[in-house]
């Protein structure tokens, strides 16, 4: 895999299923919510598109209250598919971003199911895939670890939220750095 620096102008964020009923049983849910929040602030700071997905919202509910305000006014994509890209509406939204935006940052739950299957679909369609490892989890730590290991094996880049943030920022003192600083403290 050829490594390149992440660039906001060629990247978009997909947030997968941090819903109330699901997050109630997720390992280290607070960590996941905190890091999803950071990624959403980053995307907004750099004016990157955000695609928020839910898994059968009628059954699993809305996003957790700590995240919901960050998505006000956004179009949510409800799915029953485990791979978000197998949902026709989400696939169309991603297609509308291409070819300009060819890198997807994935976060959310569960690592070994929806995040993994979405990443595999994206890779098969020629997208670069970055998984924010600390912004994802599963019901068990073991399934999260299995998911991350397999994601790395199939060609996804596994990074921490801070790695992604600081790669975008590039240096201190910029307006974007100052905008993100309150969230990083």
C-alpha atoms as a PDB file:
ATOM      1  CA  UNK A   1       0.000   0.000   0.000  1.00  0.00           C
ATOM      2  CA  UNK A   2       1.312   3.399  -0.952  1.00  0.00           C
ATOM      3  CA  UNK A   3       1.056   5.810   1.984  1.00  0.00           C
ATOM      4  CA  UNK A   4       0.109   9.407   1.440  1.00  0.00           C
ATOM      5  CA  UNK A   5      -0.843  12.205   3.772  1.00  0.00           C
ATOM      6  CA  UNK A   6      -4.548  12.614   4.372  1.00  0.00           C
ATOM      7  CA  UNK A   7      -5.974  15.727   2.740  1.00  0.00           C
ATOM      8  CA  UNK A   8      -9.307  17.280   3.735  1.00  0.00           C
ATOM      9  CA  UNK A   9     -10.221  18.077   0.142  1.00  0.00           C
ATOM     10  CA  UNK A  10     -10.114  14.400  -0.861  1.00  0.00           C
ATOM     11  CA  UNK A  11     -11.616  12.898   2.310  1.00  0.00           C
ATOM     12  CA  UNK A  12     -15.036  12.363   3.863  1.00  0.00           C
ATOM     13  CA  UNK A  13     -16.227  10.972   7.184  1.00  0.00           C
ATOM     14  CA  UNK A  14     -18.747   8.189   7.679  1.00  0.00           C
ATOM     15  CA  UNK A  15     -20.172   7.680  11.157  1.00  0.00           C
ATOM     16  CA  UNK A  16     -21.644   4.226  11.639  1.00  0.00           C
ATOM     17  CA  UNK A  17     -24.437   3.499  14.118  1.00  0.00           C
ATOM     18  CA  UNK A  18     -23.535   5.097  17.502  1.00  0.00           C
ATOM     19  CA  UNK A  19     -27.157   4.633  18.568  1.00  0.00           C
ATOM     20  CA  UNK A  20     -28.611   4.541  22.065  1.00  0.00           C
ATOM     21  CA  UNK A  21     -29.554   0.872  22.332  1.00  0.00           C
ATOM     22  CA  UNK A  22     -26.386  -0.326  20.624  1.00  0.00           C
ATOM     23  CA  UNK A  23     -23.966   1.919  22.501  1.00  0.00           C
ATOM     24  CA  UNK A  24     -25.449   0.734  25.821  1.00  0.00           C
ATOM     25  CA  UNK A  25     -23.713  -2.630  25.270  1.00  0.00           C
ATOM     26  CA  UNK A  26     -20.526  -1.481  23.500  1.00  0.00           C
ATOM     27  CA  UNK A  27     -17.138  -2.002  25.154  1.00  0.00           C
ATOM     28  CA  UNK A  28     -15.623   1.365  26.154  1.00  0.00           C
ATOM     29  CA  UNK A  29     -18.555   3.305  24.688  1.00  0.00           C
ATOM     30  CA  UNK A  30     -17.434   6.583  26.295  1.00  0.00           C
ATOM     31  CA  UNK A  31     -14.098   6.405  24.442  1.00  0.00           C
ATOM     32  CA  UNK A  32     -15.893   5.794  21.167  1.00  0.00           C
ATOM     33  CA  UNK A  33     -18.309   8.694  21.662  1.00  0.00           C
ATOM     34  CA  UNK A  34     -15.498  11.089  22.638  1.00  0.00           C
ATOM     35  CA  UNK A  35     -13.446  10.227  19.559  1.00  0.00           C
ATOM     36  CA  UNK A  36     -16.397  10.300  17.152  1.00  0.00           C
ATOM     37  CA  UNK A  37     -17.110  13.777  18.502  1.00  0.00           C
ATOM     38  CA  UNK A  38     -13.521  14.850  17.780  1.00  0.00           C
ATOM     39  CA  UNK A  39     -13.742  13.500  14.226  1.00  0.00           C
ATOM     40  CA  UNK A  40     -17.014  15.338  13.590  1.00  0.00           C
ATOM     41  CA  UNK A  41     -15.475  18.593  14.866  1.00  0.00           C
ATOM     42  CA  UNK A  42     -12.495  17.966  12.577  1.00  0.00           C
ATOM     43  CA  UNK A  43     -14.743  17.341   9.565  1.00  0.00           C
ATOM     44  CA  UNK A  44     -16.704  20.517  10.269  1.00  0.00           C
ATOM     45  CA  UNK A  45     -13.507  22.534  10.761  1.00  0.00           C
ATOM     46  CA  UNK A  46     -12.216  21.407   7.364  1.00  0.00           C
ATOM     47  CA  UNK A  47     -15.662  21.472   5.690  1.00  0.00           C
ATOM     48  CA  UNK A  48     -15.514  17.765   4.856  1.00  0.00           C
ATOM     49  CA  UNK A  49     -18.710  15.896   4.056  1.00  0.00           C
ATOM     50  CA  UNK A  50     -20.141  13.750   6.838  1.00  0.00           C
ATOM     51  CA  UNK A  51     -22.368  10.744   6.186  1.00  0.00           C
ATOM     52  CA  UNK A  52     -24.153   9.666   9.387  1.00  0.00           C
ATOM     53  CA  UNK A  53     -25.634   6.170   9.223  1.00  0.00           C
ATOM     54  CA  UNK A  54     -28.011   4.358  11.545  1.00  0.00           C
ATOM     55  CA  UNK A  55     -28.799   0.664  11.753  1.00  0.00           C
ATOM     56  CA  UNK A  56     -32.572   0.172  11.831  1.00  0.00           C
ATOM     57  CA  UNK A  57     -33.260   3.341  13.846  1.00  0.00           C
ATOM     58  CA  UNK A  58     -36.810   2.179  14.631  1.00  0.00           C
ATOM     59  CA  UNK A  59     -35.339  -0.621  16.747  1.00  0.00           C
ATOM     60  CA  UNK A  60     -31.975   0.744  17.914  1.00  0.00           C
ATOM     61  CA  UNK A  61     -33.001   4.368  18.397  1.00  0.00           C
ATOM     62  CA  UNK A  62     -31.277   7.642  17.524  1.00  0.00           C
ATOM     63  CA  UNK A  63     -27.654   8.592  18.082  1.00  0.00           C
ATOM     64  CA  UNK A  64     -26.627   8.844  21.734  1.00  0.00           C
ATOM     65  CA  UNK A  65     -27.491  12.212  23.318  1.00  0.00           C
ATOM     66  CA  UNK A  66     -23.813  13.248  23.578  1.00  0.00           C
ATOM     67  CA  UNK A  67     -23.477  13.048  19.776  1.00  0.00           C
ATOM     68  CA  UNK A  68     -26.933  14.004  18.525  1.00  0.00           C
ATOM     69  CA  UNK A  69     -26.425  17.823  18.647  1.00  0.00           C
ATOM     70  CA  UNK A  70     -23.354  17.543  16.396  1.00  0.00           C
ATOM     71  CA  UNK A  71     -25.541  16.153  13.610  1.00  0.00           C
ATOM     72  CA  UNK A  72     -28.390  18.677  13.741  1.00  0.00           C
ATOM     73  CA  UNK A  73     -29.642  19.497  10.269  1.00  0.00           C
ATOM     74  CA  UNK A  74     -27.807  16.582   8.639  1.00  0.00           C
ATOM     75  CA  UNK A  75     -29.472  13.893   6.583  1.00  0.00           C
ATOM     76  CA  UNK A  76     -29.270  10.549   8.389  1.00  0.00           C
ATOM     77  CA  UNK A  77     -29.118   7.391   6.321  1.00  0.00           C
ATOM     78  CA  UNK A  78     -31.010   4.523   7.905  1.00  0.00           C
ATOM     79  CA  UNK A  79     -29.991   1.040   6.798  1.00  0.00           C
ATOM     80  CA  UNK A  80     -30.585  -2.597   7.490  1.00  0.00           C
ATOM     81  CA  UNK A  81     -27.465  -3.672   5.578  1.00  0.00           C
ATOM     82  CA  UNK A  82     -24.324  -4.285   7.623  1.00  0.00           C
ATOM     83  CA  UNK A  83     -22.137  -2.756   4.912  1.00  0.00           C
ATOM     84  CA  UNK A  84     -23.311   0.828   4.655  1.00  0.00           C
ATOM     85  CA  UNK A  85     -22.220   0.879   1.016  1.00  0.00           C
ATOM     86  CA  UNK A  86     -24.707  -1.856   0.162  1.00  0.00           C
ATOM     87  CA  UNK A  87     -27.488   0.593   1.040  1.00  0.00           C
ATOM     88  CA  UNK A  88     -28.552   2.318  -2.190  1.00  0.00           C
ATOM     89  CA  UNK A  89     -29.013   5.775  -0.614  1.00  0.00           C
ATOM     90  CA  UNK A  90     -25.653   5.718   1.159  1.00  0.00           C
ATOM     91  CA  UNK A  91     -23.977   4.364  -1.962  1.00  0.00           C
ATOM     92  CA  UNK A  92     -25.485   7.217  -3.992  1.00  0.00           C
ATOM     93  CA  UNK A  93     -24.270   9.769  -1.422  1.00  0.00           C
ATOM     94  CA  UNK A  94     -20.739   8.359  -1.638  1.00  0.00           C
ATOM     95  CA  UNK A  95     -20.870   8.261  -5.445  1.00  0.00           C
ATOM     96  CA  UNK A  96     -21.838  11.950  -5.448  1.00  0.00           C
ATOM     97  CA  UNK A  97     -18.567  12.729  -3.647  1.00  0.00           C
ATOM     98  CA  UNK A  98     -16.404  10.844  -6.126  1.00  0.00           C
ATOM     99  CA  UNK A  99     -13.986  11.094  -7.841  1.00  0.00           C
ATOM    100  CA  UNK A 100     -12.885  14.230  -5.962  1.00  0.00           C
ATOM    101  CA  UNK A 101     -13.162  12.553  -2.571  1.00  0.00           C
ATOM    102  CA  UNK A 102     -11.506   9.148  -2.709  1.00  0.00           C
ATOM    103  CA  UNK A 103     -10.677   8.573   0.960  1.00  0.00           C
ATOM    104  CA  UNK A 104     -13.199   7.543   3.598  1.00  0.00           C
ATOM    105  CA  UNK A 105     -12.614   7.818   7.338  1.00  0.00           C
ATOM    106  CA  UNK A 106     -14.736   5.294   9.214  1.00  0.00           C
ATOM    107  CA  UNK A 107     -15.776   5.396  12.852  1.00  0.00           C
ATOM    108  CA  UNK A 108     -18.582   3.863  14.859  1.00  0.00           C
ATOM    109  CA  UNK A 109     -19.786   0.410  15.800  1.00  0.00           C
ATOM    110  CA  UNK A 110     -19.411  -2.476  15.639  1.00  0.00           C
ATOM    111  CA  UNK A 111     -15.814  -2.871  14.490  1.00  0.00           C
ATOM    112  CA  UNK A 112     -16.132  -6.492  13.399  1.00  0.00           C
ATOM    113  CA  UNK A 113     -19.517  -6.130  11.671  1.00  0.00           C
ATOM    114  CA  UNK A 114     -20.666  -2.841  10.149  1.00  0.00           C
ATOM    115  CA  UNK A 115     -17.314  -1.027  10.207  1.00  0.00           C
ATOM    116  CA  UNK A 116     -15.493  -4.030   8.745  1.00  0.00           C
ATOM    117  CA  UNK A 117     -18.101  -4.753   6.040  1.00  0.00           C
ATOM    118  CA  UNK A 118     -18.328  -1.073   5.051  1.00  0.00           C
ATOM    119  CA  UNK A 119     -14.526  -0.867   4.828  1.00  0.00           C
ATOM    120  CA  UNK A 120     -14.358  -3.990   2.671  1.00  0.00           C
ATOM    121  CA  UNK A 121     -17.035  -2.636   0.320  1.00  0.00           C
ATOM    122  CA  UNK A 122     -15.187   0.682   0.074  1.00  0.00           C
ATOM    123  CA  UNK A 123     -11.872  -1.018  -0.674  1.00  0.00           C
ATOM    124  CA  UNK A 124     -13.514  -3.174  -3.347  1.00  0.00           C
ATOM    125  CA  UNK A 125     -14.826   0.020  -4.946  1.00  0.00           C
ATOM    126  CA  UNK A 126     -11.376   1.597  -5.041  1.00  0.00           C
ATOM    127  CA  UNK A 127     -11.649   3.973  -2.097  1.00  0.00           C
ATOM    128  CA  UNK A 128      -8.807   4.522   0.333  1.00  0.00           C
ATOM    129  CA  UNK A 129     -10.035   3.494   3.778  1.00  0.00           C
ATOM    130  CA  UNK A 130      -8.920   4.898   7.113  1.00  0.00           C
ATOM    131  CA  UNK A 131     -10.388   3.418  10.284  1.00  0.00           C
ATOM    132  CA  UNK A 132     -10.146   5.544  13.417  1.00  0.00           C
ATOM    133  CA  UNK A 133      -9.377   2.622  15.728  1.00  0.00           C
ATOM    134  CA  UNK A 134     -10.149   4.429  18.974  1.00  0.00           C
ATOM    135  CA  UNK A 135     -13.433   5.760  17.561  1.00  0.00           C
ATOM    136  CA  UNK A 136     -14.763   2.262  17.023  1.00  0.00           C
ATOM    137  CA  UNK A 137     -15.553  -0.729  19.205  1.00  0.00           C
ATOM    138  CA  UNK A 138     -17.675  -3.856  19.538  1.00  0.00           C
ATOM    139  CA  UNK A 139     -19.649  -5.483  22.310  1.00  0.00           C
ATOM    140  CA  UNK A 140     -16.499  -7.336  23.328  1.00  0.00           C
ATOM    141  CA  UNK A 141     -12.890  -6.176  23.272  1.00  0.00           C
ATOM    142  CA  UNK A 142     -11.922  -9.398  21.500  1.00  0.00           C
ATOM    143  CA  UNK A 143     -14.271  -8.762  18.573  1.00  0.00           C
ATOM    144  CA  UNK A 144     -12.955  -5.213  18.267  1.00  0.00           C
ATOM    145  CA  UNK A 145      -9.382  -6.532  18.123  1.00  0.00           C
ATOM    146  CA  UNK A 146     -10.284  -9.231  15.583  1.00  0.00           C
ATOM    147  CA  UNK A 147     -12.033  -6.619  13.476  1.00  0.00           C
ATOM    148  CA  UNK A 148      -9.109  -4.179  13.541  1.00  0.00           C
ATOM    149  CA  UNK A 149      -6.603  -6.943  12.732  1.00  0.00           C
ATOM    150  CA  UNK A 150      -8.612  -8.114   9.749  1.00  0.00           C
ATOM    151  CA  UNK A 151      -9.205  -4.535   8.568  1.00  0.00           C
ATOM    152  CA  UNK A 152      -5.436  -4.021   8.543  1.00  0.00           C
ATOM    153  CA  UNK A 153      -4.976  -7.328   6.691  1.00  0.00           C
ATOM    154  CA  UNK A 154      -7.371  -6.316   3.914  1.00  0.00           C
ATOM    155  CA  UNK A 155      -5.679  -2.956   3.355  1.00  0.00           C
ATOM    156  CA  UNK A 156      -7.436  -0.409   5.562  1.00  0.00           C
ATOM    157  CA  UNK A 157      -5.209   2.123   7.283  1.00  0.00           C
ATOM    158  CA  UNK A 158      -5.642   1.838  11.050  1.00  0.00           C
ATOM    159  CA  UNK A 159      -4.995   5.150  12.798  1.00  0.00           C
ATOM    160  CA  UNK A 160      -5.896   6.824  16.070  1.00  0.00           C
ATOM    161  CA  UNK A 161      -8.189   9.824  16.130  1.00  0.00           C
ATOM    162  CA  UNK A 162      -5.316  12.091  17.165  1.00  0.00           C
ATOM    163  CA  UNK A 163      -3.138  10.788  14.334  1.00  0.00           C
ATOM    164  CA  UNK A 164      -5.858  11.756  11.865  1.00  0.00           C
ATOM    165  CA  UNK A 165      -6.458  15.150  13.469  1.00  0.00           C
ATOM    166  CA  UNK A 166      -2.816  16.178  13.571  1.00  0.00           C
ATOM    167  CA  UNK A 167      -2.159  14.880  10.060  1.00  0.00           C
ATOM    168  CA  UNK A 168      -4.925  17.183   8.823  1.00  0.00           C
ATOM    169  CA  UNK A 169      -3.716  20.127  10.921  1.00  0.00           C
ATOM    170  CA  UNK A 170      -0.090  19.805   9.731  1.00  0.00           C
ATOM    171  CA  UNK A 171       1.135  22.595  12.045  1.00  0.00           C
ATOM    172  CA  UNK A 172       0.208  24.747  15.018  1.00  0.00           C
ATOM    173  CA  UNK A 173      -1.034  28.309  14.797  1.00  0.00           C
ATOM    174  CA  UNK A 174      -3.398  27.961  11.840  1.00  0.00           C
ATOM    175  CA  UNK A 175      -7.091  28.919  12.055  1.00  0.00           C
ATOM    176  CA  UNK A 176      -7.969  25.206  11.897  1.00  0.00           C
ATOM    177  CA  UNK A 177      -5.555  24.417  14.743  1.00  0.00           C
ATOM    178  CA  UNK A 178      -7.099  27.173  16.855  1.00  0.00           C
ATOM    179  CA  UNK A 179     -10.602  25.892  16.041  1.00  0.00           C
ATOM    180  CA  UNK A 180      -9.717  22.353  17.128  1.00  0.00           C
ATOM    181  CA  UNK A 181      -7.653  23.266  20.184  1.00  0.00           C
ATOM    182  CA  UNK A 182     -10.578  23.523  22.647  1.00  0.00           C
ATOM    183  CA  UNK A 183     -11.631  19.965  21.782  1.00  0.00           C
ATOM    184  CA  UNK A 184      -8.111  18.593  22.102  1.00  0.00           C
ATOM    185  CA  UNK A 185      -7.456  19.879  25.627  1.00  0.00           C
END
